[in-house]
Amino acid sequence: MIGRLNHVAIAVKDIAAASETYRNVLGAKVSEPTAQPEHGVTVVFIELPNTKIELLEPLGEASPIAKFLEKNPDGGMHHVCYEVEDILAARDRLKATGARVIGDGNPKIGAHGKPVLFLHPKDFNGTLVEIEQV
């Protein structure tokens, strides 16, 4: 059901500083920051030959990333994102196996402009999982 790894998301306090580290220290291609108000984050994508790294900075105090950074003040891995061909079929199959979809169960448009859903970390060995329709 799942396809390729789309990205690994890392929560950061300062997206500009984190971007500079990836750009100047690791020599990576880094996108411009983009605010995603519906998700409460500002995002940057680091392009790798086989996948992407997504840096997430809180956009406001109600951001889920702000809450993550309260518990993890140095930042760290927030979630992994896998591609799926049909997000609604994937959702239904996951729910039928007992996996919990976070929120109301309806996809939202993610940072790539495609439908996404998040799956409860307790169902996936402590890792928050995002699925994105390709």
N, C-alpha and C. Protein backbone atom coordinates (compact mmCIF):
# COMPACT_ATOMS: atom_id res chain seq x y z
N MET A 1 0.82 -1.20 0.00
CA MET A 1 0.00 0.00 0.00
C MET A 1 0.86 1.25 0.00
N ILE A 2 1.85 1.37 0.90
CA ILE A 2 2.66 2.60 0.91
C ILE A 2 3.67 2.55 -0.23
N GLY A 3 3.94 3.73 -0.71
CA GLY A 3 4.93 3.87 -1.77
C GLY A 3 6.24 4.37 -1.19
N ARG A 4 6.89 5.20 -1.95
CA ARG A 4 8.23 5.66 -1.54
C ARG A 4 8.14 6.65 -0.38
N LEU A 5 9.26 6.78 0.31
CA LEU A 5 9.39 7.79 1.37
C LEU A 5 9.40 9.15 0.70
N ASN A 6 8.45 10.00 1.08
CA ASN A 6 8.39 11.33 0.49
C ASN A 6 9.31 12.29 1.22
N HIS A 7 9.24 12.28 2.56
CA HIS A 7 10.13 13.15 3.34
C HIS A 7 10.18 12.72 4.80
N VAL A 8 11.21 13.21 5.48
CA VAL A 8 11.33 13.12 6.93
C VAL A 8 11.24 14.55 7.43
N ALA A 9 10.36 14.79 8.40
CA ALA A 9 10.14 16.14 8.91
C ALA A 9 10.87 16.34 10.23
N ILE A 10 11.53 17.47 10.34
CA ILE A 10 12.30 17.82 11.54
C ILE A 10 11.77 19.14 12.08
N ALA A 11 11.37 19.15 13.35
CA ALA A 11 10.91 20.37 14.01
C ALA A 11 12.12 21.20 14.42
N VAL A 12 12.07 22.49 14.15
CA VAL A 12 13.16 23.41 14.48
C VAL A 12 12.59 24.67 15.10
N LYS A 13 13.39 25.30 15.96
CA LYS A 13 12.99 26.58 16.56
C LYS A 13 13.19 27.73 15.59
N ASP A 14 14.26 27.67 14.80
CA ASP A 14 14.65 28.78 13.92
C ASP A 14 14.91 28.21 12.53
N ILE A 15 13.92 28.35 11.66
CA ILE A 15 14.01 27.75 10.33
C ILE A 15 15.10 28.39 9.48
N ALA A 16 15.35 29.68 9.68
CA ALA A 16 16.40 30.36 8.91
C ALA A 16 17.78 29.80 9.30
N ALA A 17 18.02 29.65 10.59
CA ALA A 17 19.31 29.10 11.04
C ALA A 17 19.47 27.65 10.60
N ALA A 18 18.40 26.87 10.72
CA ALA A 18 18.47 25.46 10.31
C ALA A 18 18.71 25.37 8.80
N SER A 19 18.06 26.23 8.02
CA SER A 19 18.25 26.23 6.57
C SER A 19 19.70 26.55 6.22
N GLU A 20 20.26 27.51 6.91
CA GLU A 20 21.66 27.88 6.66
C GLU A 20 22.60 26.72 6.96
N THR A 21 22.31 25.97 8.02
CA THR A 21 23.14 24.81 8.35
C THR A 21 23.10 23.80 7.20
N TYR A 22 21.91 23.49 6.72
CA TYR A 22 21.80 22.53 5.61
C TYR A 22 22.46 23.07 4.35
N ARG A 23 22.28 24.35 4.08
CA ARG A 23 22.82 24.97 2.88
C ARG A 23 24.35 25.09 2.96
N ASN A 24 24.85 25.66 4.04
CA ASN A 24 26.28 25.99 4.12
C ASN A 24 27.15 24.87 4.64
N VAL A 25 26.65 24.09 5.57
CA VAL A 25 27.47 23.01 6.14
C VAL A 25 27.37 21.74 5.30
N LEU A 26 26.14 21.39 4.89
CA LEU A 26 25.94 20.15 4.14
C LEU A 26 25.87 20.35 2.63
N GLY A 27 25.81 21.61 2.19
CA GLY A 27 25.77 21.90 0.75
C GLY A 27 24.48 21.50 0.07
N ALA A 28 23.38 21.53 0.81
CA ALA A 28 22.09 21.09 0.28
C ALA A 28 21.36 22.21 -0.44
N LYS A 29 20.48 21.82 -1.35
CA LYS A 29 19.56 22.75 -2.00
C LYS A 29 18.36 22.92 -1.08
N VAL A 30 18.09 24.17 -0.67
CA VAL A 30 17.05 24.47 0.31
C VAL A 30 16.03 25.42 -0.31
N SER A 31 14.76 25.07 -0.16
CA SER A 31 13.69 25.92 -0.71
C SER A 31 13.50 27.17 0.16
N GLU A 32 12.72 28.08 -0.35
CA GLU A 32 12.33 29.26 0.43
C GLU A 32 11.29 28.85 1.46
N PRO A 33 11.24 29.52 2.62
CA PRO A 33 10.21 29.21 3.62
C PRO A 33 8.81 29.52 3.08
N THR A 34 7.88 28.66 3.42
CA THR A 34 6.49 28.84 3.03
C THR A 34 5.60 28.66 4.25
N ALA A 35 4.79 29.66 4.55
CA ALA A 35 3.85 29.56 5.66
C ALA A 35 2.69 28.65 5.27
N GLN A 36 2.30 27.79 6.18
CA GLN A 36 1.15 26.89 6.00
C GLN A 36 0.21 27.14 7.18
N PRO A 37 -0.55 28.24 7.17
CA PRO A 37 -1.38 28.61 8.32
C PRO A 37 -2.38 27.53 8.73
N GLU A 38 -2.92 26.78 7.76
CA GLU A 38 -3.90 25.75 8.10
C GLU A 38 -3.28 24.60 8.89
N HIS A 39 -1.95 24.48 8.86
CA HIS A 39 -1.25 23.45 9.63
C HIS A 39 -0.45 24.06 10.80
N GLY A 40 -0.42 25.39 10.87
CA GLY A 40 0.28 26.05 11.96
C GLY A 40 1.79 25.97 11.88
N VAL A 41 2.33 25.92 10.65
CA VAL A 41 3.78 25.79 10.49
C VAL A 41 4.29 26.63 9.33
N THR A 42 5.57 26.90 9.38
CA THR A 42 6.32 27.38 8.23
C THR A 42 7.23 26.23 7.83
N VAL A 43 7.31 25.96 6.53
CA VAL A 43 8.08 24.81 6.05
C VAL A 43 9.17 25.23 5.08
N VAL A 44 10.22 24.43 5.08
CA VAL A 44 11.30 24.51 4.10
C VAL A 44 11.58 23.08 3.69
N PHE A 45 11.86 22.87 2.41
CA PHE A 45 12.23 21.54 1.95
C PHE A 45 13.68 21.52 1.51
N ILE A 46 14.40 20.51 1.97
CA ILE A 46 15.77 20.26 1.55
C ILE A 46 15.71 19.13 0.54
N GLU A 47 16.16 19.39 -0.67
CA GLU A 47 16.10 18.41 -1.75
C GLU A 47 17.31 17.47 -1.66
N LEU A 48 17.03 16.18 -1.64
CA LEU A 48 18.07 15.15 -1.68
C LEU A 48 17.85 14.34 -2.95
N PRO A 49 18.85 13.58 -3.38
CA PRO A 49 18.67 12.80 -4.61
C PRO A 49 17.52 11.80 -4.55
N ASN A 50 17.21 11.27 -3.37
CA ASN A 50 16.21 10.21 -3.29
C ASN A 50 14.99 10.55 -2.44
N THR A 51 14.99 11.70 -1.77
CA THR A 51 13.85 12.10 -0.93
C THR A 51 14.02 13.56 -0.54
N LYS A 52 13.29 14.00 0.47
CA LYS A 52 13.40 15.36 0.97
C LYS A 52 13.45 15.35 2.50
N ILE A 53 13.99 16.40 3.05
CA ILE A 53 13.89 16.69 4.49
C ILE A 53 12.99 17.92 4.57
N GLU A 54 12.01 17.88 5.46
CA GLU A 54 11.12 19.02 5.66
C GLU A 54 11.45 19.62 7.03
N LEU A 55 11.81 20.90 7.04
CA LEU A 55 12.01 21.60 8.31
C LEU A 55 10.70 22.29 8.66
N LEU A 56 10.28 22.15 9.92
CA LEU A 56 9.02 22.72 10.40
C LEU A 56 9.30 23.69 11.53
N GLU A 57 8.83 24.91 11.39
CA GLU A 57 8.94 25.92 12.44
C GLU A 57 7.52 26.30 12.85
N PRO A 58 7.28 26.47 14.15
CA PRO A 58 5.92 26.84 14.58
C PRO A 58 5.48 28.16 13.95
N LEU A 59 4.21 28.21 13.60
CA LEU A 59 3.58 29.44 13.10
C LEU A 59 2.50 29.78 14.12
N GLY A 60 2.90 30.48 15.16
CA GLY A 60 1.97 30.83 16.24
C GLY A 60 2.07 29.87 17.41
N GLU A 61 1.57 30.31 18.56
CA GLU A 61 1.68 29.52 19.79
C GLU A 61 0.80 28.28 19.79
N ALA A 62 -0.26 28.26 18.98
CA ALA A 62 -1.16 27.11 18.93
C ALA A 62 -0.65 26.02 17.99
N SER A 63 0.48 26.24 17.36
CA SER A 63 1.04 25.28 16.42
C SER A 63 1.36 23.95 17.10
N PRO A 64 1.06 22.83 16.44
CA PRO A 64 1.46 21.54 17.00
C PRO A 64 2.98 21.43 17.12
N ILE A 65 3.70 22.17 16.30
CA ILE A 65 5.17 22.14 16.39
C ILE A 65 5.64 22.89 17.63
N ALA A 66 4.93 23.95 18.03
CA ALA A 66 5.27 24.65 19.27
C ALA A 66 5.14 23.70 20.45
N LYS A 67 4.09 22.90 20.44
CA LYS A 67 3.89 21.91 21.52
C LYS A 67 4.98 20.85 21.49
N PHE A 68 5.36 20.41 20.29
CA PHE A 68 6.44 19.44 20.15
C PHE A 68 7.74 20.01 20.71
N LEU A 69 8.03 21.28 20.38
CA LEU A 69 9.28 21.90 20.85
C LEU A 69 9.28 22.15 22.35
N GLU A 70 8.11 22.30 22.97
CA GLU A 70 8.05 22.40 24.43
C GLU A 70 8.58 21.12 25.06
N LYS A 71 8.22 19.99 24.48
CA LYS A 71 8.66 18.69 24.99
C LYS A 71 10.06 18.33 24.53
N ASN A 72 10.47 18.89 23.39
CA ASN A 72 11.78 18.60 22.78
C ASN A 72 12.45 19.93 22.43
N PRO A 73 13.00 20.63 23.42
CA PRO A 73 13.48 22.00 23.18
C PRO A 73 14.59 22.12 22.13
N ASP A 74 15.30 21.05 21.86
CA ASP A 74 16.34 21.10 20.84
C ASP A 74 15.80 20.78 19.45
N GLY A 75 14.52 20.47 19.36
CA GLY A 75 13.93 20.06 18.09
C GLY A 75 14.15 18.57 17.88
N GLY A 76 13.90 18.12 16.67
CA GLY A 76 14.13 16.71 16.36
C GLY A 76 13.13 16.20 15.34
N MET A 77 13.23 14.89 15.05
CA MET A 77 12.37 14.29 14.05
C MET A 77 10.92 14.36 14.52
N HIS A 78 10.06 14.87 13.65
CA HIS A 78 8.64 15.01 13.97
C HIS A 78 7.80 13.92 13.34
N HIS A 79 8.01 13.64 12.05
CA HIS A 79 7.24 12.59 11.38
C HIS A 79 7.94 12.12 10.12
N VAL A 80 7.45 10.99 9.60
CA VAL A 80 7.87 10.51 8.29
C VAL A 80 6.64 10.53 7.38
N CYS A 81 6.86 10.76 6.11
CA CYS A 81 5.76 10.83 5.15
C CYS A 81 5.98 9.81 4.04
N TYR A 82 4.95 8.98 3.83
CA TYR A 82 4.97 7.98 2.77
C TYR A 82 3.94 8.35 1.71
N GLU A 83 4.24 8.04 0.48
CA GLU A 83 3.30 8.28 -0.60
C GLU A 83 2.32 7.12 -0.73
N VAL A 84 1.09 7.43 -1.10
CA VAL A 84 0.07 6.43 -1.41
C VAL A 84 -0.60 6.84 -2.71
N GLU A 85 -1.08 5.85 -3.45
CA GLU A 85 -1.75 6.12 -4.73
C GLU A 85 -3.13 6.73 -4.53
N ASP A 86 -3.87 6.21 -3.55
CA ASP A 86 -5.25 6.64 -3.31
C ASP A 86 -5.42 6.85 -1.81
N ILE A 87 -5.44 8.09 -1.38
CA ILE A 87 -5.44 8.38 0.05
C ILE A 87 -6.71 7.90 0.74
N LEU A 88 -7.85 7.97 0.08
CA LEU A 88 -9.09 7.51 0.70
C LEU A 88 -9.10 6.00 0.86
N ALA A 89 -8.63 5.27 -0.15
CA ALA A 89 -8.54 3.81 -0.05
C ALA A 89 -7.54 3.43 1.04
N ALA A 90 -6.42 4.16 1.10
CA ALA A 90 -5.41 3.89 2.13
C ALA A 90 -5.99 4.15 3.52
N ARG A 91 -6.70 5.27 3.68
CA ARG A 91 -7.33 5.59 4.95
C ARG A 91 -8.29 4.48 5.38
N ASP A 92 -9.13 4.05 4.46
CA ASP A 92 -10.12 3.02 4.80
C ASP A 92 -9.46 1.71 5.16
N ARG A 93 -8.41 1.35 4.43
CA ARG A 93 -7.69 0.11 4.75
C ARG A 93 -7.01 0.21 6.11
N LEU A 94 -6.38 1.35 6.38
CA LEU A 94 -5.71 1.55 7.66
C LEU A 94 -6.70 1.49 8.82
N LYS A 95 -7.82 2.17 8.68
CA LYS A 95 -8.83 2.17 9.74
C LYS A 95 -9.38 0.76 9.97
N ALA A 96 -9.53 -0.01 8.89
CA ALA A 96 -10.05 -1.38 9.00
C ALA A 96 -9.09 -2.28 9.79
N THR A 97 -7.79 -1.92 9.78
CA THR A 97 -6.81 -2.71 10.53
C THR A 97 -6.62 -2.19 11.96
N GLY A 98 -7.36 -1.12 12.31
CA GLY A 98 -7.28 -0.58 13.66
C GLY A 98 -6.38 0.63 13.81
N ALA A 99 -5.74 1.07 12.73
CA ALA A 99 -4.90 2.27 12.82
C ALA A 99 -5.79 3.49 13.01
N ARG A 100 -5.32 4.43 13.82
CA ARG A 100 -6.08 5.65 14.10
C ARG A 100 -5.60 6.80 13.22
N VAL A 101 -6.54 7.41 12.54
CA VAL A 101 -6.28 8.61 11.75
C VAL A 101 -6.51 9.80 12.66
N ILE A 102 -5.57 10.72 12.69
CA ILE A 102 -5.68 11.90 13.54
C ILE A 102 -6.60 12.92 12.88
N GLY A 103 -7.42 13.57 13.67
CA GLY A 103 -8.35 14.57 13.15
C GLY A 103 -9.67 13.93 12.78
N ASP A 104 -10.37 14.57 11.85
CA ASP A 104 -11.70 14.10 11.49
C ASP A 104 -11.70 12.99 10.44
N GLY A 105 -10.52 12.58 10.00
CA GLY A 105 -10.43 11.49 9.03
C GLY A 105 -10.49 11.92 7.59
N ASN A 106 -10.70 13.22 7.37
CA ASN A 106 -10.73 13.73 6.01
C ASN A 106 -9.38 14.35 5.66
N PRO A 107 -8.86 14.07 4.46
CA PRO A 107 -7.57 14.63 4.07
C PRO A 107 -7.60 16.15 4.04
N LYS A 108 -6.45 16.74 4.36
CA LYS A 108 -6.23 18.18 4.21
C LYS A 108 -5.16 18.36 3.16
N ILE A 109 -5.07 19.52 2.60
CA ILE A 109 -4.03 19.79 1.62
C ILE A 109 -2.74 20.12 2.37
N GLY A 110 -1.68 19.39 2.02
CA GLY A 110 -0.38 19.55 2.68
C GLY A 110 0.51 20.55 1.97
N ALA A 111 1.76 20.60 2.40
CA ALA A 111 2.73 21.58 1.90
C ALA A 111 3.06 21.40 0.43
N HIS A 112 2.83 20.20 -0.12
CA HIS A 112 3.08 19.98 -1.54
C HIS A 112 1.83 20.22 -2.39
N GLY A 113 0.74 20.69 -1.75
CA GLY A 113 -0.49 20.92 -2.48
C GLY A 113 -1.27 19.65 -2.77
N LYS A 114 -0.97 18.58 -2.05
CA LYS A 114 -1.63 17.28 -2.24
C LYS A 114 -2.33 16.86 -0.95
N PRO A 115 -3.34 16.00 -1.05
CA PRO A 115 -4.05 15.54 0.15
C PRO A 115 -3.15 14.73 1.08
N VAL A 116 -3.27 15.00 2.39
CA VAL A 116 -2.49 14.29 3.40
C VAL A 116 -3.37 13.91 4.59
N LEU A 117 -2.93 12.88 5.28
CA LEU A 117 -3.52 12.45 6.56
C LEU A 117 -2.38 12.08 7.49
N PHE A 118 -2.63 12.21 8.79
CA PHE A 118 -1.65 11.79 9.78
C PHE A 118 -2.21 10.61 10.57
N LEU A 119 -1.32 9.69 10.91
CA LEU A 119 -1.68 8.48 11.64
C LEU A 119 -1.06 8.52 13.03
N HIS A 120 -1.81 8.05 14.01
CA HIS A 120 -1.39 8.15 15.40
C HIS A 120 -0.07 7.42 15.65
N PRO A 121 0.87 8.10 16.33
CA PRO A 121 2.18 7.48 16.57
C PRO A 121 2.13 6.21 17.42
N LYS A 122 1.13 6.09 18.28
CA LYS A 122 1.05 4.89 19.11
C LYS A 122 0.78 3.64 18.28
N ASP A 123 0.27 3.82 17.08
CA ASP A 123 0.00 2.68 16.20
C ASP A 123 1.20 2.33 15.32
N PHE A 124 2.25 3.17 15.35
CA PHE A 124 3.40 2.98 14.46
C PHE A 124 4.72 3.13 15.24
N ASN A 125 4.81 2.39 16.33
CA ASN A 125 6.06 2.31 17.11
C ASN A 125 6.58 3.66 17.57
N GLY A 126 5.65 4.56 17.94
CA GLY A 126 6.04 5.86 18.47
C GLY A 126 6.37 6.90 17.42
N THR A 127 6.11 6.61 16.15
CA THR A 127 6.43 7.55 15.08
C THR A 127 5.15 8.08 14.44
N LEU A 128 5.02 9.40 14.40
CA LEU A 128 3.92 10.02 13.68
C LEU A 128 4.14 9.78 12.18
N VAL A 129 3.10 9.26 11.52
CA VAL A 129 3.19 8.94 10.09
C VAL A 129 2.22 9.82 9.33
N GLU A 130 2.73 10.40 8.26
CA GLU A 130 1.91 11.17 7.32
C GLU A 130 1.81 10.35 6.05
N ILE A 131 0.62 10.27 5.46
CA ILE A 131 0.50 9.70 4.13
C ILE A 131 0.05 10.81 3.20
N GLU A 132 0.62 10.80 2.00
CA GLU A 132 0.34 11.83 1.01
C GLU A 132 -0.01 11.16 -0.31
N GLN A 133 -1.09 11.62 -0.91
CA GLN A 133 -1.48 11.07 -2.21
C GLN A 133 -0.54 11.61 -3.29
N VAL A 134 -0.06 10.71 -4.14
CA VAL A 134 0.84 11.12 -5.22
C VAL A 134 0.05 11.63 -6.40
